[in-house]
Amino acid sequence: MHELSIAASIVEQATELCRRQGGIRVTAIRLRIGRLACIHQSALRFGFDLVAADTPLATATLEIVEVPVRVWCAACDREVELRGLQRFACPACGLPTGEIRAGRELEIESLAIASGEQAPQQAAP
């Protein structure tokens, strides 16, 4: 279950960013995860809950935005979204392509950081 080590890395990075921003806790964290990242979302959520305990992220909500796979089609001269992962070909013309433009992401998109009694502030890594 590599999601546990990924969750630990996310908590570590978010904790450091919270500290640098002068915050006391993270109230929300938003991740962008591509369909090709091979991350099982429920396992990541489970791992996140485990490793976030006793950290500034202990009560943070975890939002996951799934990024679809997008490839470049030379024949159509445009970026297209794949309908599935079984065939890497343009859905419009059928030309096979391996030029992946999106779908491998695994990144922290944003954090909501609370500092004292203030309302949470948004921070991007």
C-alpha atoms as a PDB file:
ATOM      1  CA  MET A   1       0.000   0.000   0.000  1.00  0.00           C
ATOM      2  CA  HIS A   2       2.140   2.852  -1.290  1.00  0.00           C
ATOM      3  CA  GLU A   3      -0.691   5.280  -0.548  1.00  0.00           C
ATOM      4  CA  LEU A   4       0.392   5.352   3.111  1.00  0.00           C
ATOM      5  CA  SER A   5       3.850   6.685   2.231  1.00  0.00           C
ATOM      6  CA  ILE A   6       2.267   9.165  -0.196  1.00  0.00           C
ATOM      7  CA  ALA A   7      -0.093  10.334   2.554  1.00  0.00           C
ATOM      8  CA  ALA A   8       2.864  10.745   4.918  1.00  0.00           C
ATOM      9  CA  SER A   9       4.684  12.872   2.344  1.00  0.00           C
ATOM     10  CA  ILE A  10       1.595  15.039   1.782  1.00  0.00           C
ATOM     11  CA  VAL A  11       1.150  15.593   5.526  1.00  0.00           C
ATOM     12  CA  GLU A  12       4.845  16.434   5.888  1.00  0.00           C
ATOM     13  CA  GLN A  13       4.754  18.983   3.053  1.00  0.00           C
ATOM     14  CA  ALA A  14       1.498  20.560   4.235  1.00  0.00           C
ATOM     15  CA  THR A  15       2.763  20.772   7.821  1.00  0.00           C
ATOM     16  CA  GLU A  16       5.901  22.558   6.647  1.00  0.00           C
ATOM     17  CA  LEU A  17       3.919  24.997   4.505  1.00  0.00           C
ATOM     18  CA  CYS A  18       1.550  25.684   7.414  1.00  0.00           C
ATOM     19  CA  ARG A  19       4.535  26.412   9.656  1.00  0.00           C
ATOM     20  CA  ARG A  20       6.134  28.734   7.064  1.00  0.00           C
ATOM     21  CA  GLN A  21       2.845  30.635   6.689  1.00  0.00           C
ATOM     22  CA  GLY A  22       2.618  31.118  10.459  1.00  0.00           C
ATOM     23  CA  GLY A  23      -0.467  28.928  10.742  1.00  0.00           C
ATOM     24  CA  ILE A  24      -1.504  26.727  13.612  1.00  0.00           C
ATOM     25  CA  ARG A  25      -3.463  24.144  11.654  1.00  0.00           C
ATOM     26  CA  VAL A  26      -4.617  23.138   8.202  1.00  0.00           C
ATOM     27  CA  THR A  27      -8.392  23.034   7.842  1.00  0.00           C
ATOM     28  CA  ALA A  28      -8.547  21.733   4.276  1.00  0.00           C
ATOM     29  CA  ILE A  29      -6.221  20.292   1.685  1.00  0.00           C
ATOM     30  CA  ARG A  30      -6.999  19.880  -1.999  1.00  0.00           C
ATOM     31  CA  LEU A  31      -5.067  17.365  -4.107  1.00  0.00           C
ATOM     32  CA  ARG A  32      -4.957  16.907  -7.881  1.00  0.00           C
ATOM     33  CA  ILE A  33      -4.475  13.255  -8.779  1.00  0.00           C
ATOM     34  CA  GLY A  34      -4.222  12.055 -12.360  1.00  0.00           C
ATOM     35  CA  ARG A  35      -5.912   8.844 -13.450  1.00  0.00           C
ATOM     36  CA  LEU A  36      -2.503   7.449 -14.438  1.00  0.00           C
ATOM     37  CA  ALA A  37      -0.954   8.117 -11.021  1.00  0.00           C
ATOM     38  CA  CYS A  38      -2.074   4.672  -9.815  1.00  0.00           C
ATOM     39  CA  ILE A  39      -3.443   6.028  -6.538  1.00  0.00           C
ATOM     40  CA  HIS A  40      -6.375   4.270  -4.910  1.00  0.00           C
ATOM     41  CA  GLN A  41      -8.343   7.156  -3.427  1.00  0.00           C
ATOM     42  CA  SER A  42      -9.922   5.281  -0.534  1.00  0.00           C
ATOM     43  CA  ALA A  43      -6.510   3.877   0.493  1.00  0.00           C
ATOM     44  CA  LEU A  44      -5.023   7.384   0.318  1.00  0.00           C
ATOM     45  CA  ARG A  45      -7.842   8.762   2.472  1.00  0.00           C
ATOM     46  CA  PHE A  46      -7.343   5.965   5.002  1.00  0.00           C
ATOM     47  CA  GLY A  47      -3.576   6.570   5.094  1.00  0.00           C
ATOM     48  CA  PHE A  48      -4.109  10.326   5.358  1.00  0.00           C
ATOM     49  CA  ASP A  49      -6.366   9.902   8.393  1.00  0.00           C
ATOM     50  CA  LEU A  50      -3.720   7.708  10.054  1.00  0.00           C
ATOM     51  CA  VAL A  51      -0.694   9.919   9.482  1.00  0.00           C
ATOM     52  CA  ALA A  52      -2.499  13.260   9.982  1.00  0.00           C
ATOM     53  CA  ALA A  53      -3.453  12.400  13.574  1.00  0.00           C
ATOM     54  CA  ASP A  54      -1.526  14.531  16.080  1.00  0.00           C
ATOM     55  CA  THR A  55      -0.380  16.948  13.360  1.00  0.00           C
ATOM     56  CA  PRO A  56      -1.675  20.367  12.261  1.00  0.00           C
ATOM     57  CA  LEU A  57      -3.747  18.423   9.686  1.00  0.00           C
ATOM     58  CA  ALA A  58      -5.589  16.258  12.241  1.00  0.00           C
ATOM     59  CA  THR A  59      -8.985  17.816  11.498  1.00  0.00           C
ATOM     60  CA  ALA A  60      -8.350  18.817   7.876  1.00  0.00           C
ATOM     61  CA  THR A  61     -10.760  17.809   5.172  1.00  0.00           C
ATOM     62  CA  LEU A  62      -9.168  16.086   2.200  1.00  0.00           C
ATOM     63  CA  GLU A  63     -10.531  16.947  -1.230  1.00  0.00           C
ATOM     64  CA  ILE A  64      -9.341  15.011  -4.249  1.00  0.00           C
ATOM     65  CA  VAL A  65      -9.731  16.339  -7.766  1.00  0.00           C
ATOM     66  CA  GLU A  66      -9.328  13.586 -10.359  1.00  0.00           C
ATOM     67  CA  VAL A  67      -7.416  14.734 -13.436  1.00  0.00           C
ATOM     68  CA  PRO A  68      -8.445  12.971 -16.650  1.00  0.00           C
ATOM     69  CA  VAL A  69      -5.894  11.664 -19.142  1.00  0.00           C
ATOM     70  CA  ARG A  70      -5.283  14.125 -21.966  1.00  0.00           C
ATOM     71  CA  VAL A  71      -3.075  13.362 -24.957  1.00  0.00           C
ATOM     72  CA  TRP A  72      -1.871  15.274 -27.990  1.00  0.00           C
ATOM     73  CA  CYS A  73      -3.244  14.169 -31.368  1.00  0.00           C
ATOM     74  CA  ALA A  74      -0.899  15.191 -34.175  1.00  0.00           C
ATOM     75  CA  ALA A  75      -3.487  14.433 -36.864  1.00  0.00           C
ATOM     76  CA  CYS A  76      -6.163  16.634 -35.268  1.00  0.00           C
ATOM     77  CA  ASP A  77      -3.544  19.142 -34.033  1.00  0.00           C
ATOM     78  CA  ARG A  78      -5.158  19.359 -30.612  1.00  0.00           C
ATOM     79  CA  GLU A  79      -5.166  18.012 -27.092  1.00  0.00           C
ATOM     80  CA  VAL A  80      -7.924  15.486 -26.418  1.00  0.00           C
ATOM     81  CA  GLU A  81      -9.262  13.674 -23.368  1.00  0.00           C
ATOM     82  CA  LEU A  82      -9.196   9.888 -23.481  1.00  0.00           C
ATOM     83  CA  ARG A  83     -12.476   8.101 -22.831  1.00  0.00           C
ATOM     84  CA  GLY A  84     -10.740   5.158 -21.194  1.00  0.00           C
ATOM     85  CA  LEU A  85      -7.291   3.880 -20.327  1.00  0.00           C
ATOM     86  CA  GLN A  86      -7.280   0.757 -22.469  1.00  0.00           C
ATOM     87  CA  ARG A  87      -6.482   2.486 -25.765  1.00  0.00           C
ATOM     88  CA  PHE A  88      -4.251   5.516 -26.167  1.00  0.00           C
ATOM     89  CA  ALA A  89      -5.759   6.833 -29.361  1.00  0.00           C
ATOM     90  CA  CYS A  90      -7.551  10.014 -30.330  1.00  0.00           C
ATOM     91  CA  PRO A  91     -11.290   9.573 -29.786  1.00  0.00           C
ATOM     92  CA  ALA A  92     -11.991  11.767 -32.855  1.00  0.00           C
ATOM     93  CA  CYS A  93      -9.728  10.250 -35.527  1.00  0.00           C
ATOM     94  CA  GLY A  94      -8.506   7.009 -33.941  1.00  0.00           C
ATOM     95  CA  LEU A  95      -4.786   7.776 -34.420  1.00  0.00           C
ATOM     96  CA  PRO A  96      -2.695   6.115 -31.670  1.00  0.00           C
ATOM     97  CA  THR A  97      -0.715   8.523 -29.525  1.00  0.00           C
ATOM     98  CA  GLY A  98       1.643   8.279 -26.607  1.00  0.00           C
ATOM     99  CA  GLU A  99       2.147  11.985 -25.978  1.00  0.00           C
ATOM    100  CA  ILE A 100       0.511  12.348 -22.583  1.00  0.00           C
ATOM    101  CA  ARG A 101      -0.285  15.933 -21.608  1.00  0.00           C
ATOM    102  CA  ALA A 102      -2.206  15.333 -18.355  1.00  0.00           C
ATOM    103  CA  GLY A 103      -3.201  12.504 -16.084  1.00  0.00           C
ATOM    104  CA  ARG A 104      -0.029  11.703 -14.124  1.00  0.00           C
ATOM    105  CA  GLU A 105      -0.399  14.483 -11.558  1.00  0.00           C
ATOM    106  CA  LEU A 106      -0.037  13.990  -7.847  1.00  0.00           C
ATOM    107  CA  GLU A 107       0.136  17.436  -6.302  1.00  0.00           C
ATOM    108  CA  ILE A 108      -1.140  19.620  -3.541  1.00  0.00           C
ATOM    109  CA  GLU A 109      -3.285  22.222  -5.241  1.00  0.00           C
ATOM    110  CA  SER A 110      -4.165  24.291  -2.186  1.00  0.00           C
ATOM    111  CA  LEU A 111      -4.356  24.407   1.592  1.00  0.00           C
ATOM    112  CA  ALA A 112      -6.649  26.310   3.918  1.00  0.00           C
ATOM    113  CA  ILE A 113      -4.542  27.389   6.889  1.00  0.00           C
ATOM    114  CA  ALA A 114      -5.916  28.723  10.172  1.00  0.00           C
ATOM    115  CA  SER A 115      -3.793  31.082  12.213  1.00  0.00           C
ATOM    116  CA  GLY A 116      -5.082  31.865  15.680  1.00  0.00           C
ATOM    117  CA  GLU A 117      -8.712  32.982  15.733  1.00  0.00           C
ATOM    118  CA  GLN A 118      -8.658  34.249  12.157  1.00  0.00           C
ATOM    119  CA  ALA A 119     -10.582  32.700   9.321  1.00  0.00           C
ATOM    120  CA  PRO A 120      -8.568  30.166   7.296  1.00  0.00           C
ATOM    121  CA  GLN A 121      -6.305  31.606   4.620  1.00  0.00           C
ATOM    122  CA  GLN A 122      -5.621  29.956   1.285  1.00  0.00           C
ATOM    123  CA  ALA A 123      -2.067  28.957   0.454  1.00  0.00           C
ATOM    124  CA  ALA A 124      -0.711  27.315  -2.643  1.00  0.00           C
ATOM    125  CA  PRO A 125       2.543  25.332  -2.470  1.00  0.00           C
END
